């Protein structure tokens, strides 16, 4: 077993070492699908523990000898994101468990942030409140890209937010698939592809985003529309049962 703990949270060492044993039958379940997320209370901290699904055999080989595990990448990327001035729940530790020399399980541990929700909230809000949130989200995304952060799974569920006296504050989560580089207009506009929104909303995002990044507004809007339609077309082909959730006019 490999356990790496941030020096800032050494007082949680005993709890962290207990996670593989207690995870299955303790904690408050938040999410249980491909991966499992639970929240625990320990030493006065509210702690988020993400258990990654056991990799298929070829990936066990890759994560054991060639590439960092999802847990280690999440931990390292969290520090890099913070270093670049973007918020993410504070990283605490990661755990890797090996069986016969190959990784079998891994955990990423971070502080559980008290937030209002994820960017999925925009689907539930009334027009004025929704527009304010979308504008703030667009500005946040532009700031993210200016700082060279490219989240490869930039979906609404991976962007947390809360409303503060200074305005909306956003947090990135699910950090194992990221790159740090100079981000061009294609990558910029592709980042909005997973946002379920109508044409007017996408055009508004393109208008606001292009102002900050100094892109041509019409070209930016066209790219955002193109990538968004392409993503949801593929999504509905793979998941036809979810068609009722979407505005079919936008998918045409």
Protein backbone atom coordinates (compact mmCIF):
# COMPACT_ATOMS: atom_id res chain seq x y z
CA UNK A 1 0.00 0.00 0.00
CA UNK A 2 1.27 3.46 -0.94
CA UNK A 3 -0.02 6.47 1.02
CA UNK A 4 1.04 10.07 0.41
CA UNK A 5 -0.28 12.74 2.79
CA UNK A 6 -0.01 16.50 2.47
CA UNK A 7 2.13 17.88 5.34
CA UNK A 8 -0.72 20.28 6.07
CA UNK A 9 -2.91 17.36 7.16
CA UNK A 10 -0.49 15.10 9.06
CA UNK A 11 -2.94 15.09 11.99
CA UNK A 12 -5.26 12.97 9.80
CA UNK A 13 -2.69 10.21 9.33
CA UNK A 14 -4.48 7.64 11.48
CA UNK A 15 -7.81 8.24 9.73
CA UNK A 16 -6.24 8.11 6.26
CA UNK A 17 -4.56 4.78 6.98
CA UNK A 18 -7.96 3.39 8.06
CA UNK A 19 -9.77 4.35 4.83
CA UNK A 20 -9.28 1.07 2.90
CA UNK A 21 -10.76 -0.86 5.82
CA UNK A 22 -13.70 1.42 6.71
CA UNK A 23 -14.69 2.81 3.32
CA UNK A 24 -17.21 0.11 2.38
CA UNK A 25 -19.30 0.29 5.56
CA UNK A 26 -18.83 3.81 6.96
CA UNK A 27 -19.27 7.38 5.75
CA UNK A 28 -22.09 9.23 4.03
CA UNK A 29 -22.59 8.15 0.42
CA UNK A 30 -22.62 11.05 -2.08
CA UNK A 31 -22.16 9.27 -5.39
CA UNK A 32 -22.05 5.66 -6.51
CA UNK A 33 -21.67 4.90 -10.19
CA UNK A 34 -18.41 4.35 -12.04
CA UNK A 35 -16.57 5.59 -8.95
CA UNK A 36 -17.78 5.99 -5.37
CA UNK A 37 -17.62 9.16 -3.26
CA UNK A 38 -18.24 9.31 0.47
CA UNK A 39 -17.95 11.99 3.15
CA UNK A 40 -16.40 11.32 6.56
CA UNK A 41 -15.93 13.33 9.75
CA UNK A 42 -12.51 13.09 11.39
CA UNK A 43 -10.52 15.35 13.74
CA UNK A 44 -12.92 18.22 13.15
CA UNK A 45 -12.63 18.00 9.36
CA UNK A 46 -15.30 17.10 6.81
CA UNK A 47 -13.47 14.88 4.36
CA UNK A 48 -14.34 13.77 0.83
CA UNK A 49 -13.02 10.34 -0.17
CA UNK A 50 -13.22 9.19 -3.77
CA UNK A 51 -12.70 5.50 -4.45
CA UNK A 52 -11.76 4.82 -8.06
CA UNK A 53 -13.17 1.79 -9.82
CA UNK A 54 -10.73 -1.12 -10.14
CA UNK A 55 -8.95 -0.67 -13.48
CA UNK A 56 -9.14 -3.26 -16.23
CA UNK A 57 -6.05 -5.47 -16.45
CA UNK A 58 -4.21 -3.46 -19.12
CA UNK A 59 -4.72 -0.25 -17.15
CA UNK A 60 -3.49 -1.96 -13.98
CA UNK A 61 -0.24 -2.59 -15.84
CA UNK A 62 -0.11 0.98 -17.16
CA UNK A 63 -0.86 2.60 -13.78
CA UNK A 64 1.62 0.33 -12.03
CA UNK A 65 4.61 0.82 -14.33
CA UNK A 66 4.05 3.57 -16.93
CA UNK A 67 1.55 6.21 -15.90
CA UNK A 68 0.48 7.75 -12.60
CA UNK A 69 -2.76 6.43 -11.13
CA UNK A 70 -5.94 8.52 -11.24
CA UNK A 71 -5.58 9.13 -7.50
CA UNK A 72 -2.01 10.38 -7.79
CA UNK A 73 -2.87 12.58 -10.77
CA UNK A 74 -5.82 14.07 -8.89
CA UNK A 75 -3.56 14.87 -5.93
CA UNK A 76 -0.77 16.41 -8.02
CA UNK A 77 -3.15 18.34 -10.28
CA UNK A 78 -4.97 19.82 -7.28
CA UNK A 79 -1.73 21.43 -6.08
CA UNK A 80 -0.94 22.70 -9.58
CA UNK A 81 -4.43 24.19 -10.00
CA UNK A 82 -4.12 25.96 -6.64
CA UNK A 83 -0.63 27.17 -7.55
CA UNK A 84 -2.11 28.80 -10.64
CA UNK A 85 -4.71 30.62 -8.58
CA UNK A 86 -7.79 28.48 -9.24
CA UNK A 87 -9.88 26.95 -6.45
CA UNK A 88 -10.29 23.24 -5.87
CA UNK A 89 -11.13 21.39 -2.65
CA UNK A 90 -7.91 21.25 -0.63
CA UNK A 91 -5.98 18.02 -1.35
CA UNK A 92 -5.25 15.86 1.69
CA UNK A 93 -3.82 12.55 0.47
CA UNK A 94 -4.01 9.67 -1.95
CA UNK A 95 -3.83 5.92 -1.45
CA UNK A 96 -2.83 3.13 -3.82
CA UNK A 97 -3.36 -0.54 -2.97
CA UNK A 98 -1.40 -3.19 -4.83
CA UNK A 99 -2.07 -6.89 -5.33
CA UNK A 100 0.70 -9.10 -6.70
CA UNK A 101 2.61 -6.01 -7.80
CA UNK A 102 -0.28 -4.41 -9.70
CA UNK A 103 -2.51 -1.57 -8.55
CA UNK A 104 -5.99 -2.79 -7.62
CA UNK A 105 -7.62 0.13 -5.79
CA UNK A 106 -6.94 3.80 -5.25
CA UNK A 107 -8.43 6.67 -3.26
CA UNK A 108 -8.21 10.44 -3.51
CA UNK A 109 -8.89 12.35 -0.29
CA UNK A 110 -9.72 16.06 -0.10
CA UNK A 111 -11.61 18.57 2.03
CA UNK A 112 -15.37 18.54 1.47
CA UNK A 113 -16.30 22.07 0.40
CA UNK A 114 -19.58 23.62 1.52
CA UNK A 115 -21.03 24.82 -1.80
CA UNK A 116 -24.44 25.59 -3.28
CA UNK A 117 -24.16 23.01 -6.02
CA UNK A 118 -22.65 22.28 -9.42
CA UNK A 119 -23.12 24.06 -12.73
CA UNK A 120 -26.00 21.66 -13.38
CA UNK A 121 -27.98 24.19 -11.34
CA UNK A 122 -28.34 26.43 -14.38
CA UNK A 123 -30.93 24.01 -15.74
CA UNK A 124 -33.17 24.71 -12.73
CA UNK A 125 -32.81 28.48 -12.32
CA UNK A 126 -34.98 31.32 -13.53
CA UNK A 127 -33.72 33.58 -16.32
CA UNK A 128 -32.11 36.46 -14.40
CA UNK A 129 -30.37 34.29 -11.81
CA UNK A 130 -29.31 31.85 -14.50
CA UNK A 131 -27.80 34.61 -16.67
CA UNK A 132 -25.72 35.93 -13.77
CA UNK A 133 -24.39 32.45 -13.05
CA UNK A 134 -23.61 31.77 -16.70
CA UNK A 135 -21.76 35.09 -17.01
CA UNK A 136 -19.69 34.33 -13.91
CA UNK A 137 -19.02 30.80 -15.16
CA UNK A 138 -17.87 32.15 -18.53
CA UNK A 139 -15.49 34.59 -16.85
CA UNK A 140 -14.16 31.78 -14.65
CA UNK A 141 -13.57 29.57 -17.69
CA UNK A 142 -11.70 32.36 -19.45
CA UNK A 143 -9.52 32.88 -16.38
CA UNK A 144 -8.87 29.14 -16.24
CA UNK A 145 -7.69 29.13 -19.85
CA UNK A 146 -5.58 32.27 -19.48
CA UNK A 147 -3.74 30.45 -16.69
CA UNK A 148 -3.07 27.45 -18.95
CA UNK A 149 -5.46 24.99 -17.27
CA UNK A 150 -7.31 22.62 -19.60
CA UNK A 151 -9.79 20.29 -17.89
CA UNK A 152 -10.45 17.37 -20.24
CA UNK A 153 -13.74 16.52 -18.54
CA UNK A 154 -15.12 20.05 -18.17
CA UNK A 155 -18.69 18.97 -17.54
CA UNK A 156 -21.20 20.91 -15.40
CA UNK A 157 -21.01 18.28 -12.66
CA UNK A 158 -17.28 18.89 -12.24
CA UNK A 159 -17.62 22.61 -11.55
CA UNK A 160 -18.81 23.51 -8.04
CA UNK A 161 -19.93 26.99 -7.06
CA UNK A 162 -21.09 29.10 -4.16
CA UNK A 163 -22.32 32.68 -3.99
CA UNK A 164 -20.16 34.91 -1.78
CA UNK A 165 -20.17 38.62 -0.95
CA UNK A 166 -17.62 39.06 -3.73
CA UNK A 167 -19.71 37.14 -6.27
CA UNK A 168 -19.72 33.55 -7.44
CA UNK A 169 -16.75 31.38 -6.54
CA UNK A 170 -16.04 28.22 -8.54
CA UNK A 171 -14.13 25.04 -7.66
CA UNK A 172 -12.78 22.44 -10.07
CA UNK A 173 -13.18 18.76 -9.16
CA UNK A 174 -12.45 15.41 -10.84
CA UNK A 175 -8.92 16.48 -11.67
CA UNK A 176 -7.30 13.30 -12.95
CA UNK A 177 -7.72 14.26 -16.63
CA UNK A 178 -6.06 17.65 -17.11
CA UNK A 179 -3.25 19.31 -19.00
CA UNK A 180 -1.35 22.53 -18.42
CA UNK A 181 -0.49 24.35 -21.61
CA UNK A 182 -1.13 27.37 -23.79
CA UNK A 183 -4.78 27.06 -24.78
CA UNK A 184 -5.84 28.03 -28.29
CA UNK A 185 -9.27 29.04 -29.55
CA UNK A 186 -10.20 25.48 -30.54
CA UNK A 187 -9.56 24.08 -27.06
CA UNK A 188 -11.20 27.16 -25.54
CA UNK A 189 -14.47 26.72 -27.40
CA UNK A 190 -14.45 22.94 -27.02
CA UNK A 191 -14.55 23.41 -23.25
CA UNK A 192 -18.22 24.45 -23.51
CA UNK A 193 -19.25 21.34 -25.44
CA UNK A 194 -20.68 19.47 -22.45
CA UNK A 195 -22.87 22.34 -21.30
CA UNK A 196 -26.53 21.55 -22.05
CA UNK A 197 -27.81 24.89 -23.26
CA UNK A 198 -29.91 26.41 -26.04
CA UNK A 199 -28.51 28.41 -28.93
CA UNK A 200 -29.13 31.79 -27.30
CA UNK A 201 -27.24 30.77 -24.15
CA UNK A 202 -24.31 29.40 -26.16
CA UNK A 203 -24.16 32.60 -28.20
CA UNK A 204 -24.18 34.66 -25.01
CA UNK A 205 -21.28 32.57 -23.68
CA UNK A 206 -19.42 33.09 -26.95
CA UNK A 207 -20.02 36.84 -26.78
CA UNK A 208 -18.78 37.16 -23.19
CA UNK A 209 -15.88 34.74 -23.61
CA UNK A 210 -14.60 36.39 -26.79
CA UNK A 211 -14.46 39.79 -25.07
CA UNK A 212 -12.14 38.48 -22.38
CA UNK A 213 -9.94 36.37 -24.64
CA UNK A 214 -10.00 38.91 -27.49
CA UNK A 215 -11.28 36.39 -30.03
CA UNK A 216 -13.51 37.16 -32.98
CA UNK A 217 -17.03 37.00 -31.49
CA UNK A 218 -18.82 35.35 -34.44
CA UNK A 219 -16.10 32.77 -34.99
CA UNK A 220 -16.06 31.96 -31.26
CA UNK A 221 -19.85 31.53 -31.21
CA UNK A 222 -19.77 29.30 -34.28
CA UNK A 223 -17.09 27.05 -32.76
CA UNK A 224 -18.95 26.76 -29.45
CA UNK A 225 -22.15 25.82 -31.30
CA UNK A 226 -20.29 23.30 -33.47
CA UNK A 227 -18.52 21.51 -30.60
CA UNK A 228 -21.64 21.56 -28.42
CA UNK A 229 -23.88 20.04 -31.10
CA UNK A 230 -21.25 17.47 -32.00
CA UNK A 231 -20.84 16.34 -28.38
CA UNK A 232 -24.56 15.99 -27.68
CA UNK A 233 -25.20 14.26 -31.00
CA UNK A 234 -22.64 11.59 -30.07
CA UNK A 235 -23.99 11.44 -26.51
CA UNK A 236 -27.53 10.78 -27.71
CA UNK A 237 -26.33 8.16 -30.16
CA UNK A 238 -24.63 6.33 -27.29
CA UNK A 239 -27.44 6.99 -24.79
CA UNK A 240 -30.72 7.16 -26.73
CA UNK A 241 -32.69 6.61 -23.53
CA UNK A 242 -31.74 10.12 -22.37
CA UNK A 243 -33.26 11.99 -25.33
CA UNK A 244 -36.21 13.18 -23.30
CA UNK A 245 -33.83 15.25 -21.14
CA UNK A 246 -32.67 17.46 -23.96
CA UNK A 247 -34.03 20.17 -26.16
CA UNK A 248 -34.31 18.40 -29.48
CA UNK A 249 -34.25 21.67 -31.42
CA UNK A 250 -30.69 22.27 -30.26
CA UNK A 251 -29.66 18.73 -31.23
CA UNK A 252 -31.03 18.96 -34.80
